[in-house]
Amino acid sequence: MIERTLSYSENPGRSGSLLLEQPISSVRSISSESLLANGNEVLISHQGERYHLKLTRNNKLILTK
């Protein structure tokens, strides 16, 4: 996966931008649709504890213990 970072020129008389590409180490991206599998709640086990990830009516995510 490549992260793209946009940084603007520090020279005030010069316009434009610089595009830098940096590899991201071991960061995974999982869509909420994939996690929820067409539902609105999923249980997540972490170190013997259970967490609830819920999709609200306003399309927000809430994680509770």
PDB file of N, CA and C in Angstrom:
ATOM      1  N   MET A   1       0.839  -1.164   0.000  1.00  0.00           N
ATOM      2  CA  MET A   1       0.000   0.000   0.000  1.00  0.00           C
ATOM      3  C   MET A   1       0.892   1.237   0.000  1.00  0.00           C
ATOM      4  N   ILE A   2       0.511   2.250  -0.753  1.00  0.00           N
ATOM      5  CA  ILE A   2       1.283   3.487  -0.844  1.00  0.00           C
ATOM      6  C   ILE A   2       0.475   4.633  -0.252  1.00  0.00           C
ATOM      7  N   GLU A   3       1.095   5.379   0.640  1.00  0.00           N
ATOM      8  CA  GLU A   3       0.467   6.568   1.202  1.00  0.00           C
ATOM      9  C   GLU A   3       0.963   7.766   0.411  1.00  0.00           C
ATOM     10  N   ARG A   4       0.058   8.629   0.002  1.00  0.00           N
ATOM     11  CA  ARG A   4       0.442   9.823  -0.734  1.00  0.00           C
ATOM     12  C   ARG A   4       0.266  11.024   0.154  1.00  0.00           C
ATOM     13  N   THR A   5       1.333  11.776   0.315  1.00  0.00           N
ATOM     14  CA  THR A   5       1.341  12.947   1.176  1.00  0.00           C
ATOM     15  C   THR A   5       1.524  14.178   0.308  1.00  0.00           C
ATOM     16  N   LEU A   6       0.619  15.134   0.441  1.00  0.00           N
ATOM     17  CA  LEU A   6       0.694  16.357  -0.335  1.00  0.00           C
ATOM     18  C   LEU A   6       1.239  17.458   0.552  1.00  0.00           C
ATOM     19  N   SER A   7       2.350  18.044   0.155  1.00  0.00           N
ATOM     20  CA  SER A   7       2.906  19.162   0.915  1.00  0.00           C
ATOM     21  C   SER A   7       3.135  20.321  -0.035  1.00  0.00           C
ATOM     22  N   TYR A   8       2.778  21.514   0.387  1.00  0.00           N
ATOM     23  CA  TYR A   8       2.895  22.694  -0.452  1.00  0.00           C
ATOM     24  C   TYR A   8       4.268  23.317  -0.300  1.00  0.00           C
ATOM     25  N   SER A   9       4.703  24.003  -1.324  1.00  0.00           N
ATOM     26  CA  SER A   9       6.000  24.658  -1.341  1.00  0.00           C
ATOM     27  C   SER A   9       6.081  25.705  -0.237  1.00  0.00           C
ATOM     28  N   GLU A  10       7.218  25.766   0.433  1.00  0.00           N
ATOM     29  CA  GLU A  10       7.405  26.756   1.489  1.00  0.00           C
ATOM     30  C   GLU A  10       7.871  28.102   0.933  1.00  0.00           C
ATOM     31  N   ASN A  11       8.184  28.167  -0.339  1.00  0.00           N
ATOM     32  CA  ASN A  11       8.605  29.399  -0.985  1.00  0.00           C
ATOM     33  C   ASN A  11       7.359  30.174  -1.400  1.00  0.00           C
ATOM     34  N   PRO A  12       7.066  31.336  -0.756  1.00  0.00           N
ATOM     35  CA  PRO A  12       5.824  32.054  -1.045  1.00  0.00           C
ATOM     36  C   PRO A  12       5.726  32.560  -2.476  1.00  0.00           C
ATOM     37  N   GLY A  13       6.837  32.745  -3.186  1.00  0.00           N
ATOM     38  CA  GLY A  13       6.799  33.225  -4.552  1.00  0.00           C
ATOM     39  C   GLY A  13       6.586  32.129  -5.574  1.00  0.00           C
ATOM     40  N   ARG A  14       6.516  30.904  -5.117  1.00  0.00           N
ATOM     41  CA  ARG A  14       6.411  29.764  -6.024  1.00  0.00           C
ATOM     42  C   ARG A  14       5.111  29.024  -5.768  1.00  0.00           C
ATOM     43  N   SER A  15       4.372  28.758  -6.813  1.00  0.00           N
ATOM     44  CA  SER A  15       3.137  27.998  -6.642  1.00  0.00           C
ATOM     45  C   SER A  15       3.390  26.546  -7.014  1.00  0.00           C
ATOM     46  N   GLY A  16       2.482  25.691  -6.629  1.00  0.00           N
ATOM     47  CA  GLY A  16       2.625  24.275  -6.964  1.00  0.00           C
ATOM     48  C   GLY A  16       2.675  23.419  -5.718  1.00  0.00           C
ATOM     49  N   SER A  17       2.887  22.140  -5.923  1.00  0.00           N
ATOM     50  CA  SER A  17       2.913  21.212  -4.799  1.00  0.00           C
ATOM     51  C   SER A  17       3.907  20.103  -5.092  1.00  0.00           C
ATOM     52  N   LEU A  18       4.225  19.378  -4.061  1.00  0.00           N
ATOM     53  CA  LEU A  18       5.145  18.253  -4.153  1.00  0.00           C
ATOM     54  C   LEU A  18       4.396  17.015  -3.684  1.00  0.00           C
ATOM     55  N   LEU A  19       4.385  15.975  -4.475  1.00  0.00           N
ATOM     56  CA  LEU A  19       3.705  14.739  -4.121  1.00  0.00           C
ATOM     57  C   LEU A  19       4.749  13.709  -3.723  1.00  0.00           C
ATOM     58  N   LEU A  20       4.675  13.245  -2.477  1.00  0.00           N
ATOM     59  CA  LEU A  20       5.628  12.266  -1.963  1.00  0.00           C
ATOM     60  C   LEU A  20       4.922  10.931  -1.800  1.00  0.00           C
ATOM     61  N   GLU A  21       5.575   9.853  -2.117  1.00  0.00           N
ATOM     62  CA  GLU A  21       5.019   8.521  -1.909  1.00  0.00           C
ATOM     63  C   GLU A  21       5.868   7.788  -0.884  1.00  0.00           C
ATOM     64  N   GLN A  22       5.192   7.264   0.163  1.00  0.00           N
ATOM     65  CA  GLN A  22       5.879   6.543   1.220  1.00  0.00           C
ATOM     66  C   GLN A  22       5.134   5.245   1.490  1.00  0.00           C
ATOM     67  N   PRO A  23       5.824   4.114   1.575  1.00  0.00           N
ATOM     68  CA  PRO A  23       5.138   2.859   1.891  1.00  0.00           C
ATOM     69  C   PRO A  23       4.651   2.854   3.335  1.00  0.00           C
ATOM     70  N   ILE A  24       3.488   2.290   3.548  1.00  0.00           N
ATOM     71  CA  ILE A  24       2.931   2.138   4.892  1.00  0.00           C
ATOM     72  C   ILE A  24       3.274   0.730   5.363  1.00  0.00           C
ATOM     73  N   SER A  25       3.815   0.621   6.557  1.00  0.00           N
ATOM     74  CA  SER A  25       4.216  -0.689   7.055  1.00  0.00           C
ATOM     75  C   SER A  25       3.093  -1.348   7.843  1.00  0.00           C
ATOM     76  N   SER A  26       2.699  -2.515   7.439  1.00  0.00           N
ATOM     77  CA  SER A  26       1.750  -3.412   8.107  1.00  0.00           C
ATOM     78  C   SER A  26       0.449  -2.760   8.575  1.00  0.00           C
ATOM     79  N   VAL A  27      -0.087  -1.834   7.822  1.00  0.00           N
ATOM     80  CA  VAL A  27      -1.391  -1.250   8.139  1.00  0.00           C
ATOM     81  C   VAL A  27      -2.402  -1.868   7.194  1.00  0.00           C
ATOM     82  N   ARG A  28      -3.437  -2.506   7.756  1.00  0.00           N
ATOM     83  CA  ARG A  28      -4.474  -3.131   6.945  1.00  0.00           C
ATOM     84  C   ARG A  28      -5.684  -2.230   6.878  1.00  0.00           C
ATOM     85  N   SER A  29      -6.366  -2.238   5.776  1.00  0.00           N
ATOM     86  CA  SER A  29      -7.595  -1.473   5.610  1.00  0.00           C
ATOM     87  C   SER A  29      -8.734  -2.446   5.336  1.00  0.00           C
ATOM     88  N   ILE A  30      -9.780  -2.377   6.164  1.00  0.00           N
ATOM     89  CA  ILE A  30     -10.949  -3.251   6.018  1.00  0.00           C
ATOM     90  C   ILE A  30     -12.177  -2.359   5.985  1.00  0.00           C
ATOM     91  N   SER A  31     -13.016  -2.533   5.002  1.00  0.00           N
ATOM     92  CA  SER A  31     -14.220  -1.705   4.899  1.00  0.00           C
ATOM     93  C   SER A  31     -15.221  -2.072   5.989  1.00  0.00           C
ATOM     94  N   SER A  32     -16.000  -1.097   6.419  1.00  0.00           N
ATOM     95  CA  SER A  32     -17.027  -1.360   7.429  1.00  0.00           C
ATOM     96  C   SER A  32     -18.077  -2.315   6.879  1.00  0.00           C
ATOM     97  N   GLU A  33     -18.352  -2.224   5.578  1.00  0.00           N
ATOM     98  CA  GLU A  33     -19.325  -3.137   4.963  1.00  0.00           C
ATOM     99  C   GLU A  33     -18.849  -4.585   5.079  1.00  0.00           C
ATOM    100  N   SER A  34     -17.543  -4.786   4.922  1.00  0.00           N
ATOM    101  CA  SER A  34     -16.983  -6.121   5.046  1.00  0.00           C
ATOM    102  C   SER A  34     -17.096  -6.630   6.481  1.00  0.00           C
ATOM    103  N   LEU A  35     -16.823  -5.765   7.443  1.00  0.00           N
ATOM    104  CA  LEU A  35     -16.916  -6.162   8.858  1.00  0.00           C
ATOM    105  C   LEU A  35     -18.355  -6.456   9.266  1.00  0.00           C
ATOM    106  N   LEU A  36     -19.284  -5.621   8.848  1.00  0.00           N
ATOM    107  CA  LEU A  36     -20.672  -5.756   9.278  1.00  0.00           C
ATOM    108  C   LEU A  36     -21.448  -6.784   8.458  1.00  0.00           C
ATOM    109  N   ALA A  37     -20.952  -7.150   7.296  1.00  0.00           N
ATOM    110  CA  ALA A  37     -21.565  -8.185   6.443  1.00  0.00           C
ATOM    111  C   ALA A  37     -23.069  -7.973   6.268  1.00  0.00           C
ATOM    112  N   ASN A  38     -23.447  -6.794   5.776  1.00  0.00           N
ATOM    113  CA  ASN A  38     -24.846  -6.435   5.493  1.00  0.00           C
ATOM    114  C   ASN A  38     -25.725  -6.357   6.739  1.00  0.00           C
ATOM    115  N   GLY A  39     -25.136  -6.341   7.916  1.00  0.00           N
ATOM    116  CA  GLY A  39     -25.877  -6.160   9.154  1.00  0.00           C
ATOM    117  C   GLY A  39     -25.582  -4.793   9.731  1.00  0.00           C
ATOM    118  N   ASN A  40     -25.951  -4.594  10.993  1.00  0.00           N
ATOM    119  CA  ASN A  40     -25.651  -3.305  11.626  1.00  0.00           C
ATOM    120  C   ASN A  40     -24.890  -3.452  12.943  1.00  0.00           C
ATOM    121  N   GLU A  41     -24.459  -4.681  13.249  1.00  0.00           N
ATOM    122  CA  GLU A  41     -23.709  -4.895  14.491  1.00  0.00           C
ATOM    123  C   GLU A  41     -22.804  -6.118  14.345  1.00  0.00           C
ATOM    124  N   VAL A  42     -21.624  -6.030  14.962  1.00  0.00           N
ATOM    125  CA  VAL A  42     -20.708  -7.163  14.976  1.00  0.00           C
ATOM    126  C   VAL A  42     -20.041  -7.231  16.354  1.00  0.00           C
ATOM    127  N   LEU A  43     -19.789  -8.440  16.832  1.00  0.00           N
ATOM    128  CA  LEU A  43     -19.070  -8.628  18.090  1.00  0.00           C
ATOM    129  C   LEU A  43     -17.601  -8.856  17.775  1.00  0.00           C
ATOM    130  N   ILE A  44     -16.742  -8.187  18.532  1.00  0.00           N
ATOM    131  CA  ILE A  44     -15.300  -8.318  18.353  1.00  0.00           C
ATOM    132  C   ILE A  44     -14.707  -8.822  19.662  1.00  0.00           C
ATOM    133  N   SER A  45     -13.952  -9.915  19.609  1.00  0.00           N
ATOM    134  CA  SER A  45     -13.271 -10.438  20.795  1.00  0.00           C
ATOM    135  C   SER A  45     -11.846  -9.917  20.807  1.00  0.00           C
ATOM    136  N   HIS A  46     -11.445  -9.374  21.971  1.00  0.00           N
ATOM    137  CA  HIS A  46     -10.091  -8.848  22.127  1.00  0.00           C
ATOM    138  C   HIS A  46      -9.614  -9.127  23.538  1.00  0.00           C
ATOM    139  N   GLN A  47      -8.594  -9.939  23.668  1.00  0.00           N
ATOM    140  CA  GLN A  47      -7.990 -10.299  24.952  1.00  0.00           C
ATOM    141  C   GLN A  47      -9.025 -10.747  25.973  1.00  0.00           C
ATOM    142  N   GLY A  48      -9.918 -11.618  25.537  1.00  0.00           N
ATOM    143  CA  GLY A  48     -10.928 -12.176  26.428  1.00  0.00           C
ATOM    144  C   GLY A  48     -12.121 -11.267  26.679  1.00  0.00           C
ATOM    145  N   GLU A  49     -12.149 -10.093  26.117  1.00  0.00           N
ATOM    146  CA  GLU A  49     -13.261  -9.151  26.277  1.00  0.00           C
ATOM    147  C   GLU A  49     -14.060  -9.105  24.981  1.00  0.00           C
ATOM    148  N   ARG A  50     -15.350  -8.750  25.080  1.00  0.00           N
ATOM    149  CA  ARG A  50     -16.202  -8.624  23.906  1.00  0.00           C
ATOM    150  C   ARG A  50     -16.567  -7.163  23.695  1.00  0.00           C
ATOM    151  N   TYR A  51     -16.463  -6.735  22.463  1.00  0.00           N
ATOM    152  CA  TYR A  51     -16.814  -5.369  22.079  1.00  0.00           C
ATOM    153  C   TYR A  51     -17.888  -5.427  21.003  1.00  0.00           C
ATOM    154  N   HIS A  52     -18.775  -4.433  20.999  1.00  0.00           N
ATOM    155  CA  HIS A  52     -19.830  -4.331  19.998  1.00  0.00           C
ATOM    156  C   HIS A  52     -19.508  -3.166  19.071  1.00  0.00           C
ATOM    157  N   LEU A  53     -19.457  -3.428  17.792  1.00  0.00           N
ATOM    158  CA  LEU A  53     -19.311  -2.388  16.788  1.00  0.00           C
ATOM    159  C   LEU A  53     -20.676  -2.245  16.126  1.00  0.00           C
ATOM    160  N   LYS A  54     -21.278  -1.059  16.260  1.00  0.00           N
ATOM    161  CA  LYS A  54     -22.630  -0.838  15.755  1.00  0.00           C
ATOM    162  C   LYS A  54     -22.652   0.286  14.736  1.00  0.00           C
ATOM    163  N   LEU A  55     -23.507   0.126  13.736  1.00  0.00           N
ATOM    164  CA  LEU A  55     -23.772   1.156  12.746  1.00  0.00           C
ATOM    165  C   LEU A  55     -25.053   1.871  13.160  1.00  0.00           C
ATOM    166  N   THR A  56     -24.990   3.195  13.321  1.00  0.00           N
ATOM    167  CA  THR A  56     -26.153   3.953  13.772  1.00  0.00           C
ATOM    168  C   THR A  56     -27.052   4.327  12.599  1.00  0.00           C
ATOM    169  N   ARG A  57     -28.226   4.882  12.912  1.00  0.00           N
ATOM    170  CA  ARG A  57     -29.146   5.362  11.872  1.00  0.00           C
ATOM    171  C   ARG A  57     -28.541   6.503  11.074  1.00  0.00           C
ATOM    172  N   ASN A  58     -27.600   7.242  11.680  1.00  0.00           N
ATOM    173  CA  ASN A  58     -26.935   8.357  11.000  1.00  0.00           C
ATOM    174  C   ASN A  58     -25.676   7.906  10.264  1.00  0.00           C
ATOM    175  N   ASN A  59     -25.524   6.593  10.089  1.00  0.00           N
ATOM    176  CA  ASN A  59     -24.409   5.992   9.362  1.00  0.00           C
ATOM    177  C   ASN A  59     -23.055   6.254  10.032  1.00  0.00           C
ATOM    178  N   LYS A  60     -23.049   6.282  11.362  1.00  0.00           N
ATOM    179  CA  LYS A  60     -21.814   6.425  12.146  1.00  0.00           C
ATOM    180  C   LYS A  60     -21.517   5.098  12.813  1.00  0.00           C
ATOM    181  N   LEU A  61     -20.255   4.891  13.199  1.00  0.00           N
ATOM    182  CA  LEU A  61     -19.864   3.677  13.900  1.00  0.00           C
ATOM    183  C   LEU A  61     -19.630   3.964  15.374  1.00  0.00           C
ATOM    184  N   ILE A  62     -20.110   3.055  16.229  1.00  0.00           N
ATOM    185  CA  ILE A  62     -19.898   3.168  17.675  1.00  0.00           C
ATOM    186  C   ILE A  62     -19.308   1.847  18.161  1.00  0.00           C
ATOM    187  N   LEU A  63     -18.198   1.935  18.902  1.00  0.00           N
ATOM    188  CA  LEU A  63     -17.575   0.754  19.489  1.00  0.00           C
ATOM    189  C   LEU A  63     -17.761   0.848  21.005  1.00  0.00           C
ATOM    190  N   THR A  64     -18.415  -0.171  21.588  1.00  0.00           N
ATOM    191  CA  THR A  64     -18.649  -0.199  23.032  1.00  0.00           C
ATOM    192  C   THR A  64     -18.192  -1.536  23.588  1.00  0.00           C
ATOM    193  N   LYS A  65     -17.901  -1.529  24.884  1.00  0.00           N
ATOM    194  CA  LYS A  65     -17.461  -2.742  25.571  1.00  0.00           C
ATOM    195  C   LYS A  65     -18.666  -3.405  26.208  1.00  0.00           C
TER     196      LYS A  65
END
